[in-house]
Every structure is written in structure tokens, then in C-alpha cells.
Amino acid sequence: IGSIGLHHTDKENQLMLGYVLAEECWGQGIMVEASKAVIKYGFDNLGLDNISVEHFSYNKQSKRVIEKLGFKYIETKEKSYKIYDGSMVDNLCYLLSKEEFKDI
């Protein structure tokens, strides 16, 4: 039905959360619960200090998941990614620290 994982970044002790979920499974809380487990693993088992995540400006479903997980908005990278039709889209960037995750 989808996938989830932590991906390398250029920051020390920080990885990026990435996920995809089949549309027929949206709105069921699946990705929030799966993300919490992966984030907990990253902090508890991998010793991460921070986890980042990004979403395209038009992806309201991912934005909602990110908000529920307690990530803090950092910046918007304007027209930073080329999608399948060749158009450039904005990426909104968020960060979650180990300490902030313990509060949710």
C-alpha cells in the first residue's frame, strides 16, 4: 500500500523522512502511525538529533501528516524540484528534534 523510510542528508545526525501511500488508504491515520514508529526508531536506535521532511506545496495530505507529527516549518525552497510534467514546484521544509518528538 506504500513505503516509508529515512533517507540520507548532508547534515550530521539527521536523516529525512520520506513516505508514499496509495490514495485509497489516505485519511485512515496509517501514515501518521507508521511515521511515528520510524521517527522513534531514528531517535532511539540510530541516535539521530533531528529528522527533516519536505512536501510539495500542492500536497495538502502530506502537509497534514507532517503537522500531526509535530514538525516545525523551516523554509520554502521555491521552484526547487522538477515533476513528471516538467514544471518546477516549491518544496516546504520542516524539522523535528528528538526533544520535540518526546512532547507529542
N, C-alpha and C. Protein backbone atom coordinates (compact mmCIF):
# COMPACT_ATOMS: atom_id res chain seq x y z
N ILE A 1 0.82 -1.21 0.00
CA ILE A 1 0.00 0.00 0.00
C ILE A 1 0.85 1.26 0.00
N GLY A 2 2.16 1.10 0.23
CA GLY A 2 3.04 2.27 0.24
C GLY A 2 4.41 1.90 0.76
N SER A 3 5.18 2.94 1.08
CA SER A 3 6.50 2.73 1.66
C SER A 3 6.86 3.91 2.55
N ILE A 4 7.84 3.68 3.41
CA ILE A 4 8.31 4.71 4.33
C ILE A 4 9.75 4.42 4.66
N GLY A 5 10.54 5.47 4.90
CA GLY A 5 11.93 5.26 5.25
C GLY A 5 12.61 6.54 5.65
N LEU A 6 13.85 6.40 6.12
CA LEU A 6 14.71 7.53 6.45
C LEU A 6 15.82 7.59 5.43
N HIS A 7 16.05 8.79 4.89
CA HIS A 7 17.00 8.97 3.80
C HIS A 7 18.14 9.89 4.23
N HIS A 8 19.30 9.67 3.65
CA HIS A 8 20.49 10.46 3.99
C HIS A 8 20.33 11.92 3.60
N THR A 9 20.94 12.78 4.42
CA THR A 9 21.02 14.21 4.15
C THR A 9 22.48 14.61 4.29
N ASP A 10 22.78 15.88 4.07
CA ASP A 10 24.14 16.36 4.24
C ASP A 10 24.41 16.86 5.66
N LYS A 11 23.45 16.68 6.55
CA LYS A 11 23.57 17.12 7.94
C LYS A 11 24.00 15.95 8.83
N GLU A 12 24.85 16.23 9.80
CA GLU A 12 25.30 15.20 10.74
C GLU A 12 24.18 14.87 11.73
N ASN A 13 24.01 13.60 12.02
CA ASN A 13 22.99 13.11 12.96
C ASN A 13 21.57 13.53 12.56
N GLN A 14 21.33 13.63 11.25
CA GLN A 14 20.00 13.97 10.76
C GLN A 14 19.69 13.18 9.50
N LEU A 15 18.50 12.60 9.45
CA LEU A 15 18.02 11.94 8.25
C LEU A 15 16.69 12.57 7.86
N MET A 16 16.22 12.26 6.64
CA MET A 16 14.96 12.81 6.15
C MET A 16 13.92 11.71 6.04
N LEU A 17 12.75 11.98 6.58
CA LEU A 17 11.62 11.07 6.48
C LEU A 17 11.02 11.18 5.08
N GLY A 18 10.76 10.02 4.48
CA GLY A 18 10.10 10.00 3.18
C GLY A 18 9.05 8.90 3.16
N TYR A 19 7.92 9.19 2.54
CA TYR A 19 6.84 8.20 2.52
C TYR A 19 5.96 8.40 1.30
N VAL A 20 5.24 7.33 0.95
CA VAL A 20 4.23 7.36 -0.09
C VAL A 20 3.15 6.36 0.31
N LEU A 21 1.89 6.72 0.04
CA LEU A 21 0.78 5.87 0.42
C LEU A 21 -0.25 5.87 -0.69
N ALA A 22 -0.77 4.70 -1.02
CA ALA A 22 -1.80 4.58 -2.05
C ALA A 22 -3.00 5.46 -1.68
N GLU A 23 -3.53 6.15 -2.67
CA GLU A 23 -4.60 7.11 -2.44
C GLU A 23 -5.82 6.49 -1.74
N GLU A 24 -6.13 5.25 -2.04
CA GLU A 24 -7.29 4.62 -1.42
C GLU A 24 -7.10 4.40 0.09
N CYS A 25 -5.89 4.60 0.59
CA CYS A 25 -5.60 4.43 2.01
C CYS A 25 -5.47 5.76 2.76
N TRP A 26 -5.60 6.88 2.05
CA TRP A 26 -5.50 8.19 2.68
C TRP A 26 -6.61 8.39 3.71
N GLY A 27 -6.33 9.20 4.72
CA GLY A 27 -7.33 9.59 5.69
C GLY A 27 -7.65 8.55 6.75
N GLN A 28 -6.83 7.51 6.85
CA GLN A 28 -7.08 6.45 7.82
C GLN A 28 -6.09 6.47 8.99
N GLY A 29 -5.16 7.42 8.99
CA GLY A 29 -4.17 7.51 10.05
C GLY A 29 -3.00 6.57 9.89
N ILE A 30 -2.95 5.86 8.80
CA ILE A 30 -1.89 4.87 8.57
C ILE A 30 -0.51 5.52 8.55
N MET A 31 -0.37 6.61 7.78
CA MET A 31 0.95 7.21 7.62
C MET A 31 1.41 7.92 8.89
N VAL A 32 0.50 8.48 9.66
CA VAL A 32 0.88 9.10 10.92
C VAL A 32 1.44 8.03 11.87
N GLU A 33 0.75 6.91 12.00
CA GLU A 33 1.22 5.85 12.90
C GLU A 33 2.52 5.23 12.42
N ALA A 34 2.64 4.97 11.12
CA ALA A 34 3.88 4.41 10.58
C ALA A 34 5.04 5.39 10.77
N SER A 35 4.78 6.67 10.54
CA SER A 35 5.82 7.69 10.70
C SER A 35 6.29 7.80 12.14
N LYS A 36 5.36 7.74 13.09
CA LYS A 36 5.75 7.79 14.50
C LYS A 36 6.71 6.65 14.83
N ALA A 37 6.44 5.46 14.33
CA ALA A 37 7.31 4.31 14.60
C ALA A 37 8.69 4.50 13.98
N VAL A 38 8.73 5.01 12.76
CA VAL A 38 10.02 5.22 12.08
C VAL A 38 10.80 6.35 12.76
N ILE A 39 10.13 7.41 13.14
CA ILE A 39 10.78 8.52 13.84
C ILE A 39 11.35 8.04 15.18
N LYS A 40 10.56 7.30 15.93
CA LYS A 40 11.02 6.76 17.21
C LYS A 40 12.26 5.89 17.01
N TYR A 41 12.24 5.05 15.98
CA TYR A 41 13.41 4.21 15.67
C TYR A 41 14.63 5.09 15.36
N GLY A 42 14.43 6.13 14.59
CA GLY A 42 15.54 7.02 14.24
C GLY A 42 16.18 7.68 15.45
N PHE A 43 15.35 8.15 16.36
CA PHE A 43 15.87 8.79 17.55
C PHE A 43 16.42 7.78 18.55
N ASP A 44 15.71 6.71 18.81
CA ASP A 44 16.11 5.75 19.85
C ASP A 44 17.19 4.78 19.42
N ASN A 45 17.15 4.33 18.17
CA ASN A 45 18.09 3.29 17.73
C ASN A 45 19.24 3.81 16.87
N LEU A 46 18.99 4.87 16.12
CA LEU A 46 20.05 5.40 15.26
C LEU A 46 20.77 6.60 15.88
N GLY A 47 20.27 7.10 17.00
CA GLY A 47 20.92 8.20 17.70
C GLY A 47 20.83 9.54 16.98
N LEU A 48 19.78 9.73 16.19
CA LEU A 48 19.62 10.99 15.47
C LEU A 48 19.27 12.13 16.42
N ASP A 49 19.71 13.33 16.06
CA ASP A 49 19.34 14.53 16.80
C ASP A 49 18.10 15.18 16.20
N ASN A 50 17.99 15.11 14.86
CA ASN A 50 16.89 15.74 14.13
C ASN A 50 16.45 14.86 12.97
N ILE A 51 15.19 15.02 12.59
CA ILE A 51 14.66 14.39 11.39
C ILE A 51 13.96 15.49 10.59
N SER A 52 14.25 15.54 9.30
CA SER A 52 13.62 16.53 8.44
C SER A 52 12.59 15.85 7.55
N VAL A 53 11.75 16.65 6.94
CA VAL A 53 10.76 16.16 5.98
C VAL A 53 10.40 17.32 5.07
N GLU A 54 10.01 17.01 3.84
CA GLU A 54 9.60 18.03 2.88
C GLU A 54 8.35 17.56 2.16
N HIS A 55 7.58 18.53 1.64
CA HIS A 55 6.45 18.20 0.79
C HIS A 55 6.30 19.27 -0.28
N PHE A 56 5.74 18.87 -1.42
CA PHE A 56 5.45 19.83 -2.48
C PHE A 56 4.34 20.76 -2.02
N SER A 57 4.36 21.99 -2.45
CA SER A 57 3.40 23.00 -1.98
C SER A 57 1.95 22.59 -2.21
N TYR A 58 1.68 21.83 -3.24
CA TYR A 58 0.30 21.43 -3.55
C TYR A 58 -0.16 20.18 -2.79
N ASN A 59 0.74 19.51 -2.06
CA ASN A 59 0.41 18.24 -1.41
C ASN A 59 -0.15 18.48 0.00
N LYS A 60 -1.43 18.76 0.07
CA LYS A 60 -2.09 19.07 1.34
C LYS A 60 -2.16 17.85 2.28
N GLN A 61 -2.24 16.64 1.72
CA GLN A 61 -2.30 15.45 2.55
C GLN A 61 -1.00 15.25 3.33
N SER A 62 0.14 15.41 2.64
CA SER A 62 1.42 15.28 3.34
C SER A 62 1.59 16.39 4.37
N LYS A 63 1.16 17.59 4.03
CA LYS A 63 1.25 18.70 4.99
C LYS A 63 0.51 18.34 6.27
N ARG A 64 -0.65 17.75 6.15
CA ARG A 64 -1.46 17.37 7.31
C ARG A 64 -0.75 16.31 8.16
N VAL A 65 -0.16 15.31 7.52
CA VAL A 65 0.61 14.28 8.25
C VAL A 65 1.75 14.94 9.01
N ILE A 66 2.50 15.80 8.34
CA ILE A 66 3.65 16.48 8.93
C ILE A 66 3.24 17.31 10.15
N GLU A 67 2.13 18.02 10.04
CA GLU A 67 1.63 18.82 11.17
C GLU A 67 1.25 17.93 12.35
N LYS A 68 0.59 16.81 12.08
CA LYS A 68 0.18 15.90 13.15
C LYS A 68 1.38 15.30 13.88
N LEU A 69 2.51 15.19 13.18
CA LEU A 69 3.71 14.61 13.77
C LEU A 69 4.52 15.63 14.56
N GLY A 70 4.15 16.90 14.51
CA GLY A 70 4.83 17.93 15.30
C GLY A 70 6.03 18.58 14.67
N PHE A 71 6.26 18.37 13.36
CA PHE A 71 7.37 19.01 12.68
C PHE A 71 7.16 20.52 12.66
N LYS A 72 8.27 21.27 12.71
CA LYS A 72 8.24 22.73 12.66
C LYS A 72 8.68 23.20 11.28
N TYR A 73 7.90 24.12 10.70
CA TYR A 73 8.24 24.68 9.39
C TYR A 73 9.56 25.44 9.47
N ILE A 74 10.43 25.23 8.47
CA ILE A 74 11.73 25.89 8.41
C ILE A 74 11.79 26.89 7.26
N GLU A 75 11.50 26.41 6.03
CA GLU A 75 11.62 27.28 4.86
C GLU A 75 10.91 26.68 3.66
N THR A 76 10.73 27.51 2.65
CA THR A 76 10.22 27.06 1.36
C THR A 76 11.32 27.21 0.33
N LYS A 77 11.63 26.13 -0.36
CA LYS A 77 12.58 26.16 -1.47
C LYS A 77 11.76 26.35 -2.74
N GLU A 78 11.79 27.57 -3.27
CA GLU A 78 10.95 27.89 -4.42
C GLU A 78 11.45 27.24 -5.71
N LYS A 79 10.50 26.65 -6.43
CA LYS A 79 10.77 26.03 -7.73
C LYS A 79 12.06 25.19 -7.70
N SER A 80 12.14 24.32 -6.71
CA SER A 80 13.37 23.56 -6.49
C SER A 80 13.32 22.13 -7.00
N TYR A 81 12.17 21.68 -7.51
CA TYR A 81 12.05 20.29 -7.93
C TYR A 81 11.23 20.21 -9.21
N LYS A 82 11.75 19.47 -10.17
CA LYS A 82 11.03 19.27 -11.43
C LYS A 82 10.20 18.00 -11.34
N ILE A 83 8.88 18.12 -11.57
CA ILE A 83 7.99 16.96 -11.50
C ILE A 83 7.80 16.36 -12.89
N TYR A 84 7.03 15.30 -12.95
CA TYR A 84 6.85 14.48 -14.15
C TYR A 84 6.46 15.25 -15.41
N ASP A 85 5.72 16.34 -15.27
CA ASP A 85 5.28 17.09 -16.46
C ASP A 85 6.26 18.18 -16.86
N GLY A 86 7.39 18.26 -16.16
CA GLY A 86 8.42 19.24 -16.48
C GLY A 86 8.30 20.55 -15.73
N SER A 87 7.22 20.76 -15.01
CA SER A 87 7.06 22.01 -14.26
C SER A 87 7.87 21.96 -12.97
N MET A 88 8.25 23.13 -12.51
CA MET A 88 9.02 23.26 -11.28
C MET A 88 8.06 23.59 -10.13
N VAL A 89 8.25 22.92 -9.00
CA VAL A 89 7.37 23.12 -7.84
C VAL A 89 8.18 23.52 -6.61
N ASP A 90 7.48 24.13 -5.66
CA ASP A 90 8.09 24.53 -4.40
C ASP A 90 8.10 23.35 -3.43
N ASN A 91 9.14 23.27 -2.61
CA ASN A 91 9.24 22.29 -1.53
C ASN A 91 9.18 23.03 -0.20
N LEU A 92 8.29 22.63 0.68
CA LEU A 92 8.23 23.18 2.02
C LEU A 92 9.01 22.25 2.94
N CYS A 93 9.90 22.82 3.76
CA CYS A 93 10.83 22.05 4.57
C CYS A 93 10.51 22.19 6.06
N TYR A 94 10.62 21.07 6.78
CA TYR A 94 10.28 21.01 8.19
C TYR A 94 11.37 20.24 8.94
N LEU A 95 11.42 20.45 10.27
CA LEU A 95 12.40 19.77 11.10
C LEU A 95 11.75 19.37 12.42
N LEU A 96 12.18 18.23 12.96
CA LEU A 96 11.71 17.74 14.25
C LEU A 96 12.93 17.29 15.04
N SER A 97 13.08 17.83 16.25
CA SER A 97 14.19 17.41 17.11
C SER A 97 13.75 16.26 18.00
N LYS A 98 14.71 15.58 18.54
CA LYS A 98 14.45 14.47 19.46
C LYS A 98 13.63 14.95 20.65
N GLU A 99 13.96 16.12 21.18
CA GLU A 99 13.26 16.68 22.33
C GLU A 99 11.81 17.02 21.99
N GLU A 100 11.60 17.59 20.81
CA GLU A 100 10.23 17.93 20.39
C GLU A 100 9.37 16.68 20.19
N PHE A 101 9.98 15.63 19.69
CA PHE A 101 9.22 14.39 19.45
C PHE A 101 8.73 13.78 20.76
N LYS A 102 9.51 13.90 21.80
CA LYS A 102 9.11 13.35 23.10
C LYS A 102 7.86 14.03 23.64
N ASP A 103 7.59 15.25 23.15
CA ASP A 103 6.43 16.02 23.63
C ASP A 103 5.13 15.65 22.94
N ILE A 104 5.18 14.85 21.84
CA ILE A 104 3.92 14.52 21.16
C ILE A 104 3.45 13.12 21.50
